[in-house]
PDB file of all heavy atoms in Angstrom:
ATOM      1  N   PRO A   1      12.828   6.858 -12.143  1.00  0.00           N
ATOM      2  CA  PRO A   1      12.375   6.382 -10.771  1.00  0.00           C
ATOM      3  C   PRO A   1      10.903   6.279 -10.771  1.00  0.00           C
ATOM      4  O   PRO A   1      10.132   7.104 -11.244  1.00  0.00           O
ATOM      5  CB  PRO A   1      12.906   7.379  -9.817  1.00  0.00           C
ATOM      6  CG  PRO A   1      14.050   8.158 -10.583  1.00  0.00           C
ATOM      7  CD  PRO A   1      13.793   8.035 -11.948  1.00  0.00           C
ATOM      8  N   ALA A   2      10.433   5.159 -10.274  1.00  0.00           N
ATOM      9  CA  ALA A   2       8.993   4.896 -10.075  1.00  0.00           C
ATOM     10  C   ALA A   2       8.399   5.946  -9.073  1.00  0.00           C
ATOM     11  O   ALA A   2       8.956   6.252  -8.058  1.00  0.00           O
ATOM     12  CB  ALA A   2       8.670   3.503  -9.686  1.00  0.00           C
ATOM     13  N   PRO A   3       7.235   6.459  -9.300  1.00  0.00           N
ATOM     14  CA  PRO A   3       6.482   7.307  -8.343  1.00  0.00           C
ATOM     15  C   PRO A   3       6.233   6.585  -7.030  1.00  0.00           C
ATOM     16  O   PRO A   3       6.192   5.217  -7.120  1.00  0.00           O
ATOM     17  CB  PRO A   3       5.241   7.649  -9.058  1.00  0.00           C
ATOM     18  CG  PRO A   3       5.391   7.359 -10.409  1.00  0.00           C
ATOM     19  CD  PRO A   3       6.399   6.211 -10.652  1.00  0.00           C
ATOM     20  N   THR A   4       6.261   7.219  -5.921  1.00  0.00           N
ATOM     21  CA  THR A   4       5.869   6.709  -4.616  1.00  0.00           C
ATOM     22  C   THR A   4       4.421   6.076  -4.869  1.00  0.00           C
ATOM     23  O   THR A   4       3.647   6.714  -5.461  1.00  0.00           O
ATOM     24  CB  THR A   4       5.861   7.667  -3.514  1.00  0.00           C
ATOM     25  OG1 THR A   4       7.207   8.181  -3.564  1.00  0.00           O
ATOM     26  CG2 THR A   4       5.557   7.050  -2.255  1.00  0.00           C
ATOM     27  N   VAL A   5       4.300   4.941  -4.314  1.00  0.00           N
ATOM     28  CA  VAL A   5       2.911   4.175  -4.349  1.00  0.00           C
ATOM     29  C   VAL A   5       2.344   3.931  -2.969  1.00  0.00           C
ATOM     30  O   VAL A   5       1.713   2.909  -2.859  1.00  0.00           O
ATOM     31  CB  VAL A   5       3.038   2.996  -5.313  1.00  0.00           C
ATOM     32  CG1 VAL A   5       3.871   1.987  -4.631  1.00  0.00           C
ATOM     33  CG2 VAL A   5       1.765   2.600  -5.781  1.00  0.00           C
ATOM     34  N   ALA A   6       2.543   4.854  -1.948  1.00  0.00           N
ATOM     35  CA  ALA A   6       1.944   4.547  -0.556  1.00  0.00           C
ATOM     36  C   ALA A   6       0.542   4.705  -0.606  1.00  0.00           C
ATOM     37  O   ALA A   6       0.014   5.755  -1.031  1.00  0.00           O
ATOM     38  CB  ALA A   6       2.755   5.535   0.331  1.00  0.00           C
ATOM     39  N   LEU A   7      -0.169   3.581  -0.275  1.00  0.00           N
ATOM     40  CA  LEU A   7      -1.625   3.641  -0.372  1.00  0.00           C
ATOM     41  C   LEU A   7      -2.167   2.785   0.893  1.00  0.00           C
ATOM     42  O   LEU A   7      -1.554   1.912   1.347  1.00  0.00           O
ATOM     43  CB  LEU A   7      -2.181   2.948  -1.590  1.00  0.00           C
ATOM     44  CG  LEU A   7      -1.930   3.772  -2.870  1.00  0.00           C
ATOM     45  CD1 LEU A   7      -2.162   2.945  -4.182  1.00  0.00           C
ATOM     46  CD2 LEU A   7      -2.810   5.044  -2.909  1.00  0.00           C
ATOM     47  N   PRO A   8      -3.319   3.241   1.372  1.00  0.00           N
ATOM     48  CA  PRO A   8      -4.018   2.457   2.397  1.00  0.00           C
ATOM     49  C   PRO A   8      -4.468   1.089   1.935  1.00  0.00           C
ATOM     50  O   PRO A   8      -4.549   0.863   0.556  1.00  0.00           O
ATOM     51  CB  PRO A   8      -5.172   3.263   2.806  1.00  0.00           C
ATOM     52  CG  PRO A   8      -5.575   4.173   1.707  1.00  0.00           C
ATOM     53  CD  PRO A   8      -4.175   4.342   0.868  1.00  0.00           C
ATOM     54  N   PRO A   9      -4.716   0.101   2.780  1.00  0.00           N
ATOM     55  CA  PRO A   9      -5.370  -1.215   2.292  1.00  0.00           C
ATOM     56  C   PRO A   9      -6.735  -1.014   1.865  1.00  0.00           C
ATOM     57  O   PRO A   9      -7.439   0.052   2.101  1.00  0.00           O
ATOM     58  CB  PRO A   9      -5.264  -2.045   3.540  1.00  0.00           C
ATOM     59  CG  PRO A   9      -5.290  -0.997   4.718  1.00  0.00           C
ATOM     60  CD  PRO A   9      -4.547   0.107   4.219  1.00  0.00           C
ATOM     61  N   ILE A  10      -7.307  -1.958   1.073  1.00  0.00           N
ATOM     62  CA  ILE A  10      -8.685  -2.041   0.790  1.00  0.00           C
ATOM     63  C   ILE A  10      -9.425  -2.084   2.188  1.00  0.00           C
ATOM     64  O   ILE A  10      -9.188  -2.898   3.009  1.00  0.00           O
ATOM     65  CB  ILE A  10      -9.044  -3.273  -0.126  1.00  0.00           C
ATOM     66  CG1 ILE A  10      -8.405  -3.136  -1.381  1.00  0.00           C
ATOM     67  CG2 ILE A  10     -10.545  -3.386  -0.381  1.00  0.00           C
ATOM     68  CD1 ILE A  10      -8.440  -4.347  -2.146  1.00  0.00           C
ATOM     69  N   PRO A  11     -10.362  -1.173   2.448  1.00  0.00           N
ATOM     70  CA  PRO A  11     -11.142  -1.032   3.745  1.00  0.00           C
ATOM     71  C   PRO A  11     -11.795  -2.369   3.927  1.00  0.00           C
ATOM     72  O   PRO A  11     -12.360  -3.006   3.192  1.00  0.00           O
ATOM     73  CB  PRO A  11     -12.070   0.034   3.475  1.00  0.00           C
ATOM     74  CG  PRO A  11     -11.545   0.988   2.519  1.00  0.00           C
ATOM     75  CD  PRO A  11     -10.800   0.059   1.589  1.00  0.00           C
ATOM     76  N   ASN A  12     -11.740  -2.867   5.201  1.00  0.00           N
ATOM     77  CA  ASN A  12     -12.253  -4.006   5.765  1.00  0.00           C
ATOM     78  C   ASN A  12     -11.760  -5.319   4.983  1.00  0.00           C
ATOM     79  O   ASN A  12     -12.451  -6.459   5.086  1.00  0.00           O
ATOM     80  CB  ASN A  12     -13.786  -3.926   5.829  1.00  0.00           C
ATOM     81  CG  ASN A  12     -14.130  -2.774   6.612  1.00  0.00           C
ATOM     82  OD1 ASN A  12     -13.755  -2.578   7.700  1.00  0.00           O
ATOM     83  ND2 ASN A  12     -15.137  -2.034   6.081  1.00  0.00           N
ATOM     84  N   ALA A  13     -10.679  -5.372   4.311  1.00  0.00           N
ATOM     85  CA  ALA A  13     -10.141  -6.476   3.690  1.00  0.00           C
ATOM     86  C   ALA A  13      -9.777  -7.506   4.764  1.00  0.00           C
ATOM     87  O   ALA A  13      -9.334  -7.080   5.856  1.00  0.00           O
ATOM     88  CB  ALA A  13      -8.992  -6.170   2.779  1.00  0.00           C
ATOM     89  N   PRO A  14      -9.910  -8.903   4.493  1.00  0.00           N
ATOM     90  CA  PRO A  14      -9.578  -9.755   5.509  1.00  0.00           C
ATOM     91  C   PRO A  14      -8.137  -9.798   6.046  1.00  0.00           C
ATOM     92  O   PRO A  14      -7.787  -9.977   7.112  1.00  0.00           O
ATOM     93  CB  PRO A  14      -9.806 -11.204   4.927  1.00  0.00           C
ATOM     94  CG  PRO A  14     -10.048 -10.822   3.435  1.00  0.00           C
ATOM     95  CD  PRO A  14     -10.398  -9.459   3.287  1.00  0.00           C
ATOM     96  N   SER A  15      -7.185  -9.480   5.125  1.00  0.00           N
ATOM     97  CA  SER A  15      -5.838  -9.394   5.435  1.00  0.00           C
ATOM     98  C   SER A  15      -5.134  -8.131   4.940  1.00  0.00           C
ATOM     99  O   SER A  15      -4.510  -8.178   3.894  1.00  0.00           O
ATOM    100  CB  SER A  15      -4.984 -10.525   4.962  1.00  0.00           C
ATOM    101  OG  SER A  15      -5.179 -10.801   3.545  1.00  0.00           O
ATOM    102  N   PRO A  16      -5.642  -7.043   5.513  1.00  0.00           N
ATOM    103  CA  PRO A  16      -5.179  -5.630   5.032  1.00  0.00           C
ATOM    104  C   PRO A  16      -3.692  -5.628   5.116  1.00  0.00           C
ATOM    105  O   PRO A  16      -3.000  -5.926   6.024  1.00  0.00           O
ATOM    106  CB  PRO A  16      -5.803  -4.707   5.864  1.00  0.00           C
ATOM    107  CG  PRO A  16      -5.982  -5.295   7.204  1.00  0.00           C
ATOM    108  CD  PRO A  16      -6.282  -6.807   6.753  1.00  0.00           C
ATOM    109  N   THR A  17      -3.068  -5.053   4.016  1.00  0.00           N
ATOM    110  CA  THR A  17      -1.605  -4.690   3.958  1.00  0.00           C
ATOM    111  C   THR A  17      -1.420  -3.252   3.652  1.00  0.00           C
ATOM    112  O   THR A  17      -0.677  -2.591   4.356  1.00  0.00           O
ATOM    113  CB  THR A  17      -0.872  -5.664   3.034  1.00  0.00           C
ATOM    114  OG1 THR A  17      -1.424  -5.387   1.742  1.00  0.00           O
ATOM    115  CG2 THR A  17      -0.956  -7.066   3.472  1.00  0.00           C
ATOM    116  N   GLY A  18      -1.961  -2.753   2.578  1.00  0.00           N
ATOM    117  CA  GLY A  18      -1.675  -1.474   2.087  1.00  0.00           C
ATOM    118  C   GLY A  18      -0.327  -1.465   1.455  1.00  0.00           C
ATOM    119  O   GLY A  18       0.390  -2.589   1.362  1.00  0.00           O
ATOM    120  N   ILE A  19       0.143  -0.401   0.897  1.00  0.00           N
ATOM    121  CA  ILE A  19       1.397  -0.281   0.312  1.00  0.00           C
ATOM    122  C   ILE A  19       2.179   0.916   1.010  1.00  0.00           C
ATOM    123  O   ILE A  19       1.723   2.026   1.122  1.00  0.00           O
ATOM    124  CB  ILE A  19       1.281   0.033  -1.173  1.00  0.00           C
ATOM    125  CG1 ILE A  19       0.424  -1.117  -1.873  1.00  0.00           C
ATOM    126  CG2 ILE A  19       2.651   0.150  -1.910  1.00  0.00           C
ATOM    127  CD1 ILE A  19       0.163  -0.748  -3.367  1.00  0.00           C
ATOM    128  N   LYS A  20       3.421   0.490   1.483  1.00  0.00           N
ATOM    129  CA  LYS A  20       4.243   1.379   2.202  1.00  0.00           C
ATOM    130  C   LYS A  20       5.051   2.197   1.209  1.00  0.00           C
ATOM    131  O   LYS A  20       5.352   1.696   0.115  1.00  0.00           O
ATOM    132  CB  LYS A  20       5.048   0.692   3.180  1.00  0.00           C
ATOM    133  CG  LYS A  20       4.450  -0.002   4.302  1.00  0.00           C
ATOM    134  CD  LYS A  20       5.339  -0.738   5.234  1.00  0.00           C
ATOM    135  CE  LYS A  20       4.515  -1.464   6.349  1.00  0.00           C
ATOM    136  NZ  LYS A  20       5.395  -2.148   7.250  1.00  0.00           N
ATOM    137  N   ALA A  21       5.614   3.349   1.550  1.00  0.00           N
ATOM    138  CA  ALA A  21       6.252   4.196   0.701  1.00  0.00           C
ATOM    139  C   ALA A  21       7.595   3.612   0.207  1.00  0.00           C
ATOM    140  O   ALA A  21       7.952   3.988  -0.873  1.00  0.00           O
ATOM    141  CB  ALA A  21       6.684   5.443   1.389  1.00  0.00           C
ATOM    142  N   ASP A  22       8.089   2.714   0.962  1.00  0.00           N
ATOM    143  CA  ASP A  22       9.434   1.930   0.564  1.00  0.00           C
ATOM    144  C   ASP A  22       9.153   0.604  -0.204  1.00  0.00           C
ATOM    145  O   ASP A  22      10.061  -0.130  -0.269  1.00  0.00           O
ATOM    146  CB  ASP A  22      10.335   1.855   1.767  1.00  0.00           C
ATOM    147  CG  ASP A  22       9.772   0.935   2.793  1.00  0.00           C
ATOM    148  OD1 ASP A  22       8.657   0.557   2.709  1.00  0.00           O
ATOM    149  OD2 ASP A  22      10.504   0.579   3.695  1.00  0.00           O
ATOM    150  N   ALA A  23       7.923   0.359  -0.509  1.00  0.00           N
ATOM    151  CA  ALA A  23       7.601  -0.885  -1.092  1.00  0.00           C
ATOM    152  C   ALA A  23       8.404  -1.424  -2.289  1.00  0.00           C
ATOM    153  O   ALA A  23       8.620  -2.625  -2.650  1.00  0.00           O
ATOM    154  CB  ALA A  23       6.054  -1.035  -1.444  1.00  0.00           C
ATOM    155  N   LEU A  24       8.915  -0.398  -3.003  1.00  0.00           N
ATOM    156  CA  LEU A  24       9.608  -0.740  -4.304  1.00  0.00           C
ATOM    157  C   LEU A  24      11.147  -0.712  -4.130  1.00  0.00           C
ATOM    158  O   LEU A  24      11.909  -0.844  -5.060  1.00  0.00           O
ATOM    159  CB  LEU A  24       9.231   0.327  -5.337  1.00  0.00           C
ATOM    160  CG  LEU A  24       7.748   0.507  -5.730  1.00  0.00           C
ATOM    161  CD1 LEU A  24       7.553   1.657  -6.761  1.00  0.00           C
ATOM    162  CD2 LEU A  24       7.228  -0.822  -6.172  1.00  0.00           C
TER     163      LEU A  24
END
């Protein structure tokens, strides 16, 4: 199983998304 990859978006990015824990 892939490790969890929950991460915040790049700060001040024009269209921030980040990565949610269930992204995979």
